Amino acid sequence: HGCSGPVLRGSGVAWDLRRHGEPIYRSMYDDYRFEVVAPVNG
């Protein structure tokens, strides 16, 4: 259905454009430490 954000991550898909987006956006967070919040395997 093209869901994203917490709706997608709440279903267990660890996808966050701050880590997986295009370089011009991802590079904003290159030297930042944070976790992609998602219940992977519960």
All heavy atoms as atom14 arrays in JSON, in Angstrom:
{
  "sequence": "HGCSGPVLRGSGVAWDLRRHGEPIYRSMYDDYRFEVVAPVNG",
  "atom14_mask": [
    [1, 1, 1, 1, 1, 1, 1, 1, 1, 1, 0, 0, 0, 0],
    [1, 1, 1, 1, 0, 0, 0, 0, 0, 0, 0, 0, 0, 0],
    [1, 1, 1, 1, 1, 1, 0, 0, 0, 0, 0, 0, 0, 0],
    [1, 1, 1, 1, 1, 1, 0, 0, 0, 0, 0, 0, 0, 0],
    [1, 1, 1, 1, 0, 0, 0, 0, 0, 0, 0, 0, 0, 0],
    [1, 1, 1, 1, 1, 1, 1, 0, 0, 0, 0, 0, 0, 0],
    [1, 1, 1, 1, 1, 1, 1, 0, 0, 0, 0, 0, 0, 0],
    [1, 1, 1, 1, 1, 1, 1, 1, 0, 0, 0, 0, 0, 0],
    [1, 1, 1, 1, 1, 1, 1, 1, 1, 1, 1, 0, 0, 0],
    [1, 1, 1, 1, 0, 0, 0, 0, 0, 0, 0, 0, 0, 0],
    [1, 1, 1, 1, 1, 1, 0, 0, 0, 0, 0, 0, 0, 0],
    [1, 1, 1, 1, 0, 0, 0, 0, 0, 0, 0, 0, 0, 0],
    [1, 1, 1, 1, 1, 1, 1, 0, 0, 0, 0, 0, 0, 0],
    [1, 1, 1, 1, 1, 0, 0, 0, 0, 0, 0, 0, 0, 0],
    [1, 1, 1, 1, 1, 1, 1, 1, 1, 1, 1, 1, 1, 1],
    [1, 1, 1, 1, 1, 1, 1, 1, 0, 0, 0, 0, 0, 0],
    [1, 1, 1, 1, 1, 1, 1, 1, 0, 0, 0, 0, 0, 0],
    [1, 1, 1, 1, 1, 1, 1, 1, 1, 1, 1, 0, 0, 0],
    [1, 1, 1, 1, 1, 1, 1, 1, 1, 1, 1, 0, 0, 0],
    [1, 1, 1, 1, 1, 1, 1, 1, 1, 1, 0, 0, 0, 0],
    [1, 1, 1, 1, 0, 0, 0, 0, 0, 0, 0, 0, 0, 0],
    [1, 1, 1, 1, 1, 1, 1, 1, 1, 0, 0, 0, 0, 0],
    [1, 1, 1, 1, 1, 1, 1, 0, 0, 0, 0, 0, 0, 0],
    [1, 1, 1, 1, 1, 1, 1, 1, 0, 0, 0, 0, 0, 0],
    [1, 1, 1, 1, 1, 1, 1, 1, 1, 1, 1, 1, 0, 0],
    [1, 1, 1, 1, 1, 1, 1, 1, 1, 1, 1, 0, 0, 0],
    [1, 1, 1, 1, 1, 1, 0, 0, 0, 0, 0, 0, 0, 0],
    [1, 1, 1, 1, 1, 1, 1, 1, 0, 0, 0, 0, 0, 0],
    [1, 1, 1, 1, 1, 1, 1, 1, 1, 1, 1, 1, 0, 0],
    [1, 1, 1, 1, 1, 1, 1, 1, 0, 0, 0, 0, 0, 0],
    [1, 1, 1, 1, 1, 1, 1, 1, 0, 0, 0, 0, 0, 0],
    [1, 1, 1, 1, 1, 1, 1, 1, 1, 1, 1, 1, 0, 0],
    [1, 1, 1, 1, 1, 1, 1, 1, 1, 1, 1, 0, 0, 0],
    [1, 1, 1, 1, 1, 1, 1, 1, 1, 1, 1, 0, 0, 0],
    [1, 1, 1, 1, 1, 1, 1, 1, 1, 0, 0, 0, 0, 0],
    [1, 1, 1, 1, 1, 1, 1, 0, 0, 0, 0, 0, 0, 0],
    [1, 1, 1, 1, 1, 1, 1, 0, 0, 0, 0, 0, 0, 0],
    [1, 1, 1, 1, 1, 0, 0, 0, 0, 0, 0, 0, 0, 0],
    [1, 1, 1, 1, 1, 1, 1, 0, 0, 0, 0, 0, 0, 0],
    [1, 1, 1, 1, 1, 1, 1, 0, 0, 0, 0, 0, 0, 0],
    [1, 1, 1, 1, 1, 1, 1, 1, 0, 0, 0, 0, 0, 0],
    [1, 1, 1, 1, 0, 0, 0, 0, 0, 0, 0, 0, 0, 0]
  ],
  "atom14_positions": [
    [[0.81, -1.21, 0.0], [0.0, 0.0, 0.0], [0.85, 1.27, 0.0], [0.29, 2.38, 0.04], [-0.94, 0.01, 1.22], [-2.12, -0.89, 1.07], [-2.06, -2.24, 1.27], [-3.42, -0.63, 0.73], [-3.25, -2.78, 1.08], [-4.09, -1.83, 0.75], [0.0, 0.0, 0.0], [0.0, 0.0, 0.0], [0.0, 0.0, 0.0], [0.0, 0.0, 0.0]],
    [[2.16, 1.14, -0.02], [3.02, 2.32, -0.05], [3.12, 3.03, 1.28], [3.42, 4.23, 1.32], [0.0, 0.0, 0.0], [0.0, 0.0, 0.0], [0.0, 0.0, 0.0], [0.0, 0.0, 0.0], [0.0, 0.0, 0.0], [0.0, 0.0, 0.0], [0.0, 0.0, 0.0], [0.0, 0.0, 0.0], [0.0, 0.0, 0.0], [0.0, 0.0, 0.0]],
    [[2.87, 2.32, 2.37], [2.95, 2.95, 3.69], [4.4, 3.27, 4.04], [5.34, 2.66, 3.51], [2.36, 2.03, 4.76], [0.6, 1.71, 4.56], [0.0, 0.0, 0.0], [0.0, 0.0, 0.0], [0.0, 0.0, 0.0], [0.0, 0.0, 0.0], [0.0, 0.0, 0.0], [0.0, 0.0, 0.0], [0.0, 0.0, 0.0], [0.0, 0.0, 0.0]],
    [[4.57, 4.23, 4.92], [5.92, 4.64, 5.31], [5.86, 5.21, 6.72], [4.8, 5.32, 7.33], [6.49, 5.67, 4.34], [5.65, 6.81, 4.27], [0.0, 0.0, 0.0], [0.0, 0.0, 0.0], [0.0, 0.0, 0.0], [0.0, 0.0, 0.0], [0.0, 0.0, 0.0], [0.0, 0.0, 0.0], [0.0, 0.0, 0.0], [0.0, 0.0, 0.0]],
    [[7.03, 5.57, 7.24], [7.09, 6.15, 8.57], [6.75, 5.14, 9.65], [6.93, 3.93, 9.49], [0.0, 0.0, 0.0], [0.0, 0.0, 0.0], [0.0, 0.0, 0.0], [0.0, 0.0, 0.0], [0.0, 0.0, 0.0], [0.0, 0.0, 0.0], [0.0, 0.0, 0.0], [0.0, 0.0, 0.0], [0.0, 0.0, 0.0], [0.0, 0.0, 0.0]],
    [[6.24, 5.6, 10.79], [5.89, 4.69, 11.89], [4.86, 3.64, 11.51], [4.84, 2.56, 12.12], [5.34, 5.64, 12.96], [5.99, 6.95, 12.68], [6.11, 7.02, 11.19], [0.0, 0.0, 0.0], [0.0, 0.0, 0.0], [0.0, 0.0, 0.0], [0.0, 0.0, 0.0], [0.0, 0.0, 0.0], [0.0, 0.0, 0.0], [0.0, 0.0, 0.0]],
    [[4.0, 3.91, 10.54], [3.03, 2.9, 10.11], [3.75, 1.71, 9.49], [3.42, 0.54, 9.77], [2.02, 3.51, 9.11], [1.08, 2.43, 8.56], [1.2, 4.62, 9.77], [0.0, 0.0, 0.0], [0.0, 0.0, 0.0], [0.0, 0.0, 0.0], [0.0, 0.0, 0.0], [0.0, 0.0, 0.0], [0.0, 0.0, 0.0], [0.0, 0.0, 0.0]],
    [[4.75, 1.97, 8.67], [5.54, 0.89, 8.07], [6.44, 0.22, 9.09], [6.51, -1.01, 9.18], [6.38, 1.45, 6.92], [7.33, 0.48, 6.2], [6.54, -0.6, 5.47], [8.23, 1.23, 5.23], [0.0, 0.0, 0.0], [0.0, 0.0, 0.0], [0.0, 0.0, 0.0], [0.0, 0.0, 0.0], [0.0, 0.0, 0.0], [0.0, 0.0, 0.0]],
    [[7.12, 1.02, 9.89], [8.05, 0.46, 10.87], [7.3, -0.29, 11.97], [7.83, -1.26, 12.53], [8.92, 1.57, 11.46], [9.91, 2.14, 10.45], [10.92, 3.07, 11.1], [10.34, 4.36, 11.45], [10.22, 5.39, 10.63], [10.64, 5.28, 9.38], [9.71, 6.53, 11.04], [0.0, 0.0, 0.0], [0.0, 0.0, 0.0], [0.0, 0.0, 0.0]],
    [[6.08, 0.12, 12.28], [5.29, -0.62, 13.26], [4.92, -2.02, 12.8], [4.58, -2.88, 13.62], [0.0, 0.0, 0.0], [0.0, 0.0, 0.0], [0.0, 0.0, 0.0], [0.0, 0.0, 0.0], [0.0, 0.0, 0.0], [0.0, 0.0, 0.0], [0.0, 0.0, 0.0], [0.0, 0.0, 0.0], [0.0, 0.0, 0.0], [0.0, 0.0, 0.0]],
    [[5.01, -2.26, 11.48], [4.75, -3.59, 10.94], [6.03, -4.41, 10.83], [6.02, -5.5, 10.23], [4.1, -3.46, 9.55], [2.82, -2.89, 9.66], [0.0, 0.0, 0.0], [0.0, 0.0, 0.0], [0.0, 0.0, 0.0], [0.0, 0.0, 0.0], [0.0, 0.0, 0.0], [0.0, 0.0, 0.0], [0.0, 0.0, 0.0], [0.0, 0.0, 0.0]],
    [[7.13, -3.91, 11.38], [8.37, -4.68, 11.43], [9.34, -4.42, 10.3], [10.32, -5.16, 10.17], [0.0, 0.0, 0.0], [0.0, 0.0, 0.0], [0.0, 0.0, 0.0], [0.0, 0.0, 0.0], [0.0, 0.0, 0.0], [0.0, 0.0, 0.0], [0.0, 0.0, 0.0], [0.0, 0.0, 0.0], [0.0, 0.0, 0.0], [0.0, 0.0, 0.0]],
    [[9.1, -3.39, 9.49], [10.01, -3.07, 8.38], [10.91, -1.93, 8.82], [10.47, -0.79, 8.99], [9.23, -2.67, 7.11], [10.2, -2.38, 5.97], [8.26, -3.77, 6.73], [0.0, 0.0, 0.0], [0.0, 0.0, 0.0], [0.0, 0.0, 0.0], [0.0, 0.0, 0.0], [0.0, 0.0, 0.0], [0.0, 0.0, 0.0], [0.0, 0.0, 0.0]],
    [[12.2, -2.21, 9.02], [13.15, -1.22, 9.51], [13.65, -0.35, 8.36], [14.79, -0.48, 7.9], [14.31, -1.9, 10.22], [0.0, 0.0, 0.0], [0.0, 0.0, 0.0], [0.0, 0.0, 0.0], [0.0, 0.0, 0.0], [0.0, 0.0, 0.0], [0.0, 0.0, 0.0], [0.0, 0.0, 0.0], [0.0, 0.0, 0.0], [0.0, 0.0, 0.0]],
    [[12.78, 0.54, 7.89], [13.1, 1.4, 6.74], [12.93, 2.85, 7.16], [11.85, 3.27, 7.57], [12.2, 1.06, 5.56], [12.41, 1.92, 4.35], [11.71, 3.04, 4.0], [13.4, 1.74, 3.33], [12.2, 3.58, 2.83], [13.25, 2.79, 2.4], [14.4, 0.8, 3.13], [14.06, 2.91, 1.28], [15.2, 0.92, 2.01], [15.02, 1.96, 1.1]],
    [[14.02, 3.61, 7.06], [14.01, 5.01, 7.46], [14.91, 5.76, 6.49], [16.08, 5.42, 6.32], [14.53, 5.16, 8.89], [14.32, 6.56, 9.46], [14.61, 7.54, 8.75], [13.87, 6.67, 10.62], [0.0, 0.0, 0.0], [0.0, 0.0, 0.0], [0.0, 0.0, 0.0], [0.0, 0.0, 0.0], [0.0, 0.0, 0.0], [0.0, 0.0, 0.0]],
    [[14.35, 6.78, 5.83], [15.12, 7.5, 4.81], [16.31, 8.26, 5.39], [17.22, 8.62, 4.65], [14.21, 8.48, 4.05], [13.14, 7.86, 3.17], [12.39, 8.93, 2.38], [13.75, 6.84, 2.2], [0.0, 0.0, 0.0], [0.0, 0.0, 0.0], [0.0, 0.0, 0.0], [0.0, 0.0, 0.0], [0.0, 0.0, 0.0], [0.0, 0.0, 0.0]],
    [[16.32, 8.48, 6.68], [17.49, 9.11, 7.29], [18.7, 8.17, 7.23], [19.84, 8.62, 7.33], [17.19, 9.5, 8.74], [16.2, 10.63, 8.87], [15.83, 10.89, 10.33], [15.07, 9.77, 10.89], [14.66, 9.7, 12.15], [14.92, 10.7, 12.98], [13.96, 8.66, 12.58], [0.0, 0.0, 0.0], [0.0, 0.0, 0.0], [0.0, 0.0, 0.0]],
    [[18.43, 6.88, 7.04], [19.49, 5.89, 6.85], [19.51, 5.32, 5.43], [20.57, 4.93, 4.93], [19.3, 4.74, 7.84], [19.79, 5.04, 9.24], [21.29, 4.96, 9.31], [21.79, 5.24, 10.66], [22.31, 6.39, 11.04], [22.38, 7.4, 10.19], [22.76, 6.56, 12.26], [0.0, 0.0, 0.0], [0.0, 0.0, 0.0], [0.0, 0.0, 0.0]],
    [[18.36, 5.28, 4.76], [18.25, 4.59, 3.49], [17.85, 5.5, 2.33], [17.56, 5.01, 1.24], [17.24, 3.44, 3.6], [17.48, 2.53, 4.77], [16.66, 2.52, 5.88], [18.45, 1.62, 5.0], [17.12, 1.63, 6.76], [18.19, 1.06, 6.24], [0.0, 0.0, 0.0], [0.0, 0.0, 0.0], [0.0, 0.0, 0.0], [0.0, 0.0, 0.0]],
    [[17.8, 6.8, 2.55], [17.34, 7.72, 1.51], [18.43, 8.12, 0.54], [19.54, 7.55, 0.52], [0.0, 0.0, 0.0], [0.0, 0.0, 0.0], [0.0, 0.0, 0.0], [0.0, 0.0, 0.0], [0.0, 0.0, 0.0], [0.0, 0.0, 0.0], [0.0, 0.0, 0.0], [0.0, 0.0, 0.0], [0.0, 0.0, 0.0], [0.0, 0.0, 0.0]],
    [[18.12, 9.1, -0.3], [19.09, 9.6, -1.27], [20.25, 10.29, -0.57], [20.09, 10.83, 0.54], [18.42, 10.56, -2.25], [17.44, 9.88, -3.18], [17.02, 10.82, -4.31], [17.89, 11.53, -4.86], [15.83, 10.85, -4.63], [0.0, 0.0, 0.0], [0.0, 0.0, 0.0], [0.0, 0.0, 0.0], [0.0, 0.0, 0.0], [0.0, 0.0, 0.0]],
    [[21.42, 10.34, -1.21], [22.61, 10.92, -0.56], [22.42, 12.35, -0.05], [22.9, 12.67, 1.03], [23.68, 10.85, -1.65], [23.25, 9.71, -2.51], [21.75, 9.72, -2.51], [0.0, 0.0, 0.0], [0.0, 0.0, 0.0], [0.0, 0.0, 0.0], [0.0, 0.0, 0.0], [0.0, 0.0, 0.0], [0.0, 0.0, 0.0], [0.0, 0.0, 0.0]],
    [[21.71, 13.2, -0.81], [21.58, 14.59, -0.39], [20.83, 14.7, 0.93], [21.08, 15.61, 1.73], [20.88, 15.43, -1.49], [20.93, 16.92, -1.13], [19.44, 14.97, -1.7], [20.41, 17.83, -2.23], [0.0, 0.0, 0.0], [0.0, 0.0, 0.0], [0.0, 0.0, 0.0], [0.0, 0.0, 0.0], [0.0, 0.0, 0.0], [0.0, 0.0, 0.0]],
    [[19.93, 13.77, 1.2], [19.21, 13.77, 2.47], [19.92, 12.9, 3.5], [20.1, 13.31, 4.65], [17.78, 13.28, 2.26], [16.97, 13.18, 3.53], [16.76, 14.3, 4.32], [16.42, 11.96, 3.95], [16.02, 14.22, 5.5], [15.67, 11.88, 5.12], [15.48, 13.01, 5.89], [14.75, 12.93, 7.05], [0.0, 0.0, 0.0], [0.0, 0.0, 0.0]],
    [[20.35, 11.73, 3.1], [21.02, 10.81, 4.03], [22.29, 11.44, 4.61], [22.64, 11.21, 5.78], [21.34, 9.51, 3.31], [21.86, 8.4, 4.21], [22.11, 7.13, 3.43], [23.22, 7.3, 2.49], [23.12, 7.15, 1.18], [21.95, 6.86, 0.64], [24.17, 7.31, 0.4], [0.0, 0.0, 0.0], [0.0, 0.0, 0.0], [0.0, 0.0, 0.0]],
    [[22.98, 12.24, 3.8], [24.23, 12.85, 4.26], [24.02, 13.82, 5.42], [24.96, 14.12, 6.16], [24.92, 13.57, 3.1], [24.11, 14.63, 2.62], [0.0, 0.0, 0.0], [0.0, 0.0, 0.0], [0.0, 0.0, 0.0], [0.0, 0.0, 0.0], [0.0, 0.0, 0.0], [0.0, 0.0, 0.0], [0.0, 0.0, 0.0], [0.0, 0.0, 0.0]],
    [[22.79, 14.31, 5.59], [22.51, 15.17, 6.74], [22.76, 14.43, 8.04], [23.13, 15.03, 9.06], [21.05, 15.65, 6.7], [20.76, 16.76, 5.74], [19.03, 17.32, 5.89], [18.95, 17.85, 7.6], [0.0, 0.0, 0.0], [0.0, 0.0, 0.0], [0.0, 0.0, 0.0], [0.0, 0.0, 0.0], [0.0, 0.0, 0.0], [0.0, 0.0, 0.0]],
    [[22.56, 13.11, 8.03], [22.65, 12.3, 9.25], [23.85, 11.36, 9.23], [23.92, 10.46, 10.08], [21.36, 11.49, 9.42], [20.13, 12.32, 9.68], [19.36, 12.82, 8.63], [19.72, 12.62, 10.97], [18.23, 13.57, 8.86], [18.59, 13.38, 11.22], [17.84, 13.86, 10.16], [16.72, 14.62, 10.4], [0.0, 0.0, 0.0], [0.0, 0.0, 0.0]],
    [[24.79, 11.55, 8.31], [25.89, 10.61, 8.17], [26.69, 10.44, 9.45], [27.07, 9.32, 9.8], [26.82, 11.06, 7.03], [26.37, 10.52, 5.68], [25.49, 9.64, 5.68], [26.89, 10.97, 4.64], [0.0, 0.0, 0.0], [0.0, 0.0, 0.0], [0.0, 0.0, 0.0], [0.0, 0.0, 0.0], [0.0, 0.0, 0.0], [0.0, 0.0, 0.0]],
    [[26.95, 11.53, 10.16], [27.77, 11.44, 11.36], [26.93, 11.49, 12.64], [27.43, 11.82, 13.71], [28.8, 12.57, 11.37], [28.18, 13.94, 11.1], [27.0, 13.98, 10.74], [28.88, 14.96, 11.25], [0.0, 0.0, 0.0], [0.0, 0.0, 0.0], [0.0, 0.0, 0.0], [0.0, 0.0, 0.0], [0.0, 0.0, 0.0], [0.0, 0.0, 0.0]],
    [[25.66, 11.12, 12.52], [24.77, 11.06, 13.68], [24.5, 9.6, 14.06], [24.38, 8.75, 13.2], [23.44, 11.77, 13.39], [23.53, 13.28, 13.42], [23.96, 13.98, 12.29], [23.17, 14.0, 14.54], [24.04, 15.37, 12.3], [23.23, 15.38, 14.57], [23.67, 16.06, 13.45], [23.75, 17.44, 13.46], [0.0, 0.0, 0.0], [0.0, 0.0, 0.0]],
    [[24.37, 9.36, 15.34], [24.07, 8.01, 15.84], [22.62, 7.94, 16.29], [22.18, 8.72, 17.14], [24.99, 7.67, 17.02], [26.47, 7.72, 16.72], [27.3, 7.28, 17.94], [26.87, 7.98, 19.15], [27.29, 9.19, 19.49], [28.13, 9.86, 18.7], [26.87, 9.75, 20.62], [0.0, 0.0, 0.0], [0.0, 0.0, 0.0], [0.0, 0.0, 0.0]],
    [[21.88, 7.0, 15.73], [20.51, 6.75, 16.16], [20.06, 5.4, 15.62], [20.65, 4.86, 14.68], [19.55, 7.86, 15.67], [19.32, 7.89, 14.18], [18.2, 7.29, 13.63], [20.22, 8.52, 13.34], [17.98, 7.31, 12.27], [20.01, 8.55, 11.97], [18.89, 7.95, 11.43], [0.0, 0.0, 0.0], [0.0, 0.0, 0.0], [0.0, 0.0, 0.0]],
    [[19.04, 4.85, 16.23], [18.5, 3.56, 15.83], [17.24, 3.75, 15.0], [16.45, 4.67, 15.24], [18.13, 2.73, 17.07], [19.31, 2.36, 17.96], [20.13, 1.22, 17.41], [19.69, 0.63, 16.39], [21.19, 0.92, 17.98], [0.0, 0.0, 0.0], [0.0, 0.0, 0.0], [0.0, 0.0, 0.0], [0.0, 0.0, 0.0], [0.0, 0.0, 0.0]],
    [[17.05, 2.89, 14.0], [15.8, 2.83, 13.26], [14.85, 1.97, 14.08], [15.07, 0.77, 14.25], [15.99, 2.24, 11.85], [14.65, 2.13, 11.13], [16.95, 3.12, 11.04], [0.0, 0.0, 0.0], [0.0, 0.0, 0.0], [0.0, 0.0, 0.0], [0.0, 0.0, 0.0], [0.0, 0.0, 0.0], [0.0, 0.0, 0.0], [0.0, 0.0, 0.0]],
    [[13.8, 2.58, 14.61], [12.91, 1.9, 15.56], [11.9, 1.05, 14.8], [11.06, 1.57, 14.06], [12.18, 2.92, 16.45], [11.26, 2.19, 17.42], [13.19, 3.77, 17.2], [0.0, 0.0, 0.0], [0.0, 0.0, 0.0], [0.0, 0.0, 0.0], [0.0, 0.0, 0.0], [0.0, 0.0, 0.0], [0.0, 0.0, 0.0], [0.0, 0.0, 0.0]],
    [[11.99, -0.26, 14.96], [11.03, -1.19, 14.34], [11.11, -2.52, 15.07], [12.21, -2.96, 15.44], [11.34, -1.39, 12.86], [0.0, 0.0, 0.0], [0.0, 0.0, 0.0], [0.0, 0.0, 0.0], [0.0, 0.0, 0.0], [0.0, 0.0, 0.0], [0.0, 0.0, 0.0], [0.0, 0.0, 0.0], [0.0, 0.0, 0.0], [0.0, 0.0, 0.0]],
    [[9.97, -3.18, 15.29], [9.97, -4.48, 15.98], [10.36, -5.61, 15.03], [9.5, -6.39, 14.58], [8.52, -4.61, 16.46], [7.72, -3.85, 15.45], [8.59, -2.71, 15.0], [0.0, 0.0, 0.0], [0.0, 0.0, 0.0], [0.0, 0.0, 0.0], [0.0, 0.0, 0.0], [0.0, 0.0, 0.0], [0.0, 0.0, 0.0], [0.0, 0.0, 0.0]],
    [[11.62, -5.73, 14.72], [12.1, -6.78, 13.83], [12.07, -8.11, 14.59], [12.65, -8.23, 15.67], [13.52, -6.47, 13.32], [14.01, -7.59, 12.41], [13.54, -5.13, 12.59], [0.0, 0.0, 0.0], [0.0, 0.0, 0.0], [0.0, 0.0, 0.0], [0.0, 0.0, 0.0], [0.0, 0.0, 0.0], [0.0, 0.0, 0.0], [0.0, 0.0, 0.0]],
    [[11.35, -9.08, 14.02], [11.14, -10.38, 14.67], [10.5, -10.21, 16.05], [10.74, -10.99, 16.98], [12.46, -11.15, 14.8], [13.05, -11.5, 13.46], [12.33, -11.82, 12.52], [14.37, -11.43, 13.36], [0.0, 0.0, 0.0], [0.0, 0.0, 0.0], [0.0, 0.0, 0.0], [0.0, 0.0, 0.0], [0.0, 0.0, 0.0], [0.0, 0.0, 0.0]],
    [[9.68, -9.17, 16.17], [8.97, -8.93, 17.42], [9.75, -8.22, 18.48], [9.23, -7.95, 19.56], [0.0, 0.0, 0.0], [0.0, 0.0, 0.0], [0.0, 0.0, 0.0], [0.0, 0.0, 0.0], [0.0, 0.0, 0.0], [0.0, 0.0, 0.0], [0.0, 0.0, 0.0], [0.0, 0.0, 0.0], [0.0, 0.0, 0.0], [0.0, 0.0, 0.0]]
  ]
}
